[in-house]
C-alpha atoms as a PDB file:
ATOM      1  CA  MET A   1     -17.928   8.119  31.701  1.00  0.00           C
ATOM      2  CA  PRO A   2     -18.527   4.600  30.438  1.00  0.00           C
ATOM      3  CA  GLY A   3     -16.343   3.786  27.463  1.00  0.00           C
ATOM      4  CA  ALA A   4     -14.007   6.726  28.070  1.00  0.00           C
ATOM      5  CA  THR A   5     -10.441   6.421  26.872  1.00  0.00           C
ATOM      6  CA  SER A   6      -7.361   7.125  28.963  1.00  0.00           C
ATOM      7  CA  GLU A   7      -6.821  10.255  26.891  1.00  0.00           C
ATOM      8  CA  GLN A   8     -10.313  11.570  27.675  1.00  0.00           C
ATOM      9  CA  VAL A   9     -10.016  10.816  31.386  1.00  0.00           C
ATOM     10  CA  GLY A  10      -6.582  12.451  31.533  1.00  0.00           C
ATOM     11  CA  GLU A  11      -7.877  15.566  29.806  1.00  0.00           C
ATOM     12  CA  THR A  12     -10.788  15.761  32.242  1.00  0.00           C
ATOM     13  CA  ILE A  13      -8.451  15.382  35.218  1.00  0.00           C
ATOM     14  CA  ALA A  14      -6.244  18.155  33.811  1.00  0.00           C
ATOM     15  CA  LEU A  15      -9.130  20.612  34.215  1.00  0.00           C
ATOM     16  CA  ASP A  16      -8.841  20.389  38.023  1.00  0.00           C
ATOM     17  CA  ALA A  17      -5.462  21.439  39.445  1.00  0.00           C
ATOM     18  CA  SER A  18      -5.875  19.732  42.827  1.00  0.00           C
ATOM     19  CA  LEU A  19      -7.032  16.476  41.256  1.00  0.00           C
ATOM     20  CA  THR A  20      -4.140  16.624  38.794  1.00  0.00           C
ATOM     21  CA  SER A  21      -1.735  17.073  41.689  1.00  0.00           C
ATOM     22  CA  GLU A  22      -3.084  14.065  43.567  1.00  0.00           C
ATOM     23  CA  ILE A  23      -3.105  11.809  40.508  1.00  0.00           C
ATOM     24  CA  LEU A  24       0.454  12.765  39.580  1.00  0.00           C
ATOM     25  CA  ARG A  25       1.576  12.244  43.174  1.00  0.00           C
ATOM     26  CA  LEU A  26       0.077   8.739  43.094  1.00  0.00           C
ATOM     27  CA  ALA A  27       1.596   7.914  39.724  1.00  0.00           C
ATOM     28  CA  ASN A  28       5.059   9.054  40.871  1.00  0.00           C
ATOM     29  CA  SER A  29       4.902   7.421  44.293  1.00  0.00           C
ATOM     30  CA  SER A  30       7.475   4.852  45.311  1.00  0.00           C
ATOM     31  CA  TYR A  31       4.603   2.433  45.974  1.00  0.00           C
ATOM     32  CA  LEU A  32       4.079   1.962  42.241  1.00  0.00           C
ATOM     33  CA  GLY A  33       7.798   1.981  41.504  1.00  0.00           C
ATOM     34  CA  LEU A  34       7.456   3.190  37.942  1.00  0.00           C
ATOM     35  CA  PRO A  35      10.820   3.758  36.243  1.00  0.00           C
ATOM     36  CA  ARG A  36      10.059   7.271  34.965  1.00  0.00           C
ATOM     37  CA  ASN A  37       8.774  10.618  36.160  1.00  0.00           C
ATOM     38  CA  ILE A  38       5.180  11.142  35.030  1.00  0.00           C
ATOM     39  CA  THR A  39       4.260  14.760  34.318  1.00  0.00           C
ATOM     40  CA  ARG A  40       0.957  14.610  32.425  1.00  0.00           C
ATOM     41  CA  PRO A  41      -2.437  13.367  33.689  1.00  0.00           C
ATOM     42  CA  VAL A  42      -2.869  11.260  30.544  1.00  0.00           C
ATOM     43  CA  GLU A  43       0.401   9.435  31.287  1.00  0.00           C
ATOM     44  CA  ALA A  44      -0.728   8.897  34.871  1.00  0.00           C
ATOM     45  CA  VAL A  45      -4.013   7.362  33.766  1.00  0.00           C
ATOM     46  CA  GLU A  46      -2.230   5.071  31.333  1.00  0.00           C
ATOM     47  CA  SER A  47       0.344   4.012  33.959  1.00  0.00           C
ATOM     48  CA  VAL A  48      -1.930   3.581  36.958  1.00  0.00           C
ATOM     49  CA  GLY A  49      -5.038   2.342  35.168  1.00  0.00           C
ATOM     50  CA  LEU A  50      -8.605   3.552  34.899  1.00  0.00           C
ATOM     51  CA  GLU A  51      -9.918   1.537  37.855  1.00  0.00           C
ATOM     52  CA  ALA A  52      -7.284   2.931  40.220  1.00  0.00           C
ATOM     53  CA  ILE A  53      -7.938   6.463  38.959  1.00  0.00           C
ATOM     54  CA  LYS A  54     -11.654   5.970  39.512  1.00  0.00           C
ATOM     55  CA  ALA A  55     -11.011   4.804  43.090  1.00  0.00           C
ATOM     56  CA  VAL A  56      -8.775   7.813  43.819  1.00  0.00           C
ATOM     57  CA  VAL A  57     -11.308  10.271  42.432  1.00  0.00           C
ATOM     58  CA  MET A  58     -14.108   8.671  44.459  1.00  0.00           C
ATOM     59  CA  ALA A  59     -12.007   8.787  47.646  1.00  0.00           C
ATOM     60  CA  LEU A  60     -11.071  12.426  47.082  1.00  0.00           C
ATOM     61  CA  GLN A  61     -14.731  13.325  46.540  1.00  0.00           C
ATOM     62  CA  PHE A  62     -15.713  11.457  49.705  1.00  0.00           C
ATOM     63  CA  PHE A  63     -13.072  13.116  51.896  1.00  0.00           C
ATOM     64  CA  GLY A  64     -13.269  16.517  50.197  1.00  0.00           C
END
């Protein structure tokens, strides 16, 4: 979705439980080292960034 906001992407991710799980797992991973526990897809998109979210979604589609 060109021009989509983090809020819109997060809401779209929230529609798919398995995708939500993977995105939240990434956002809360020790690799990113974020100082808080992220519980909502919108927060994950804002913390990780749209490009990283796009890469994760593409990888999950490829391997799924």
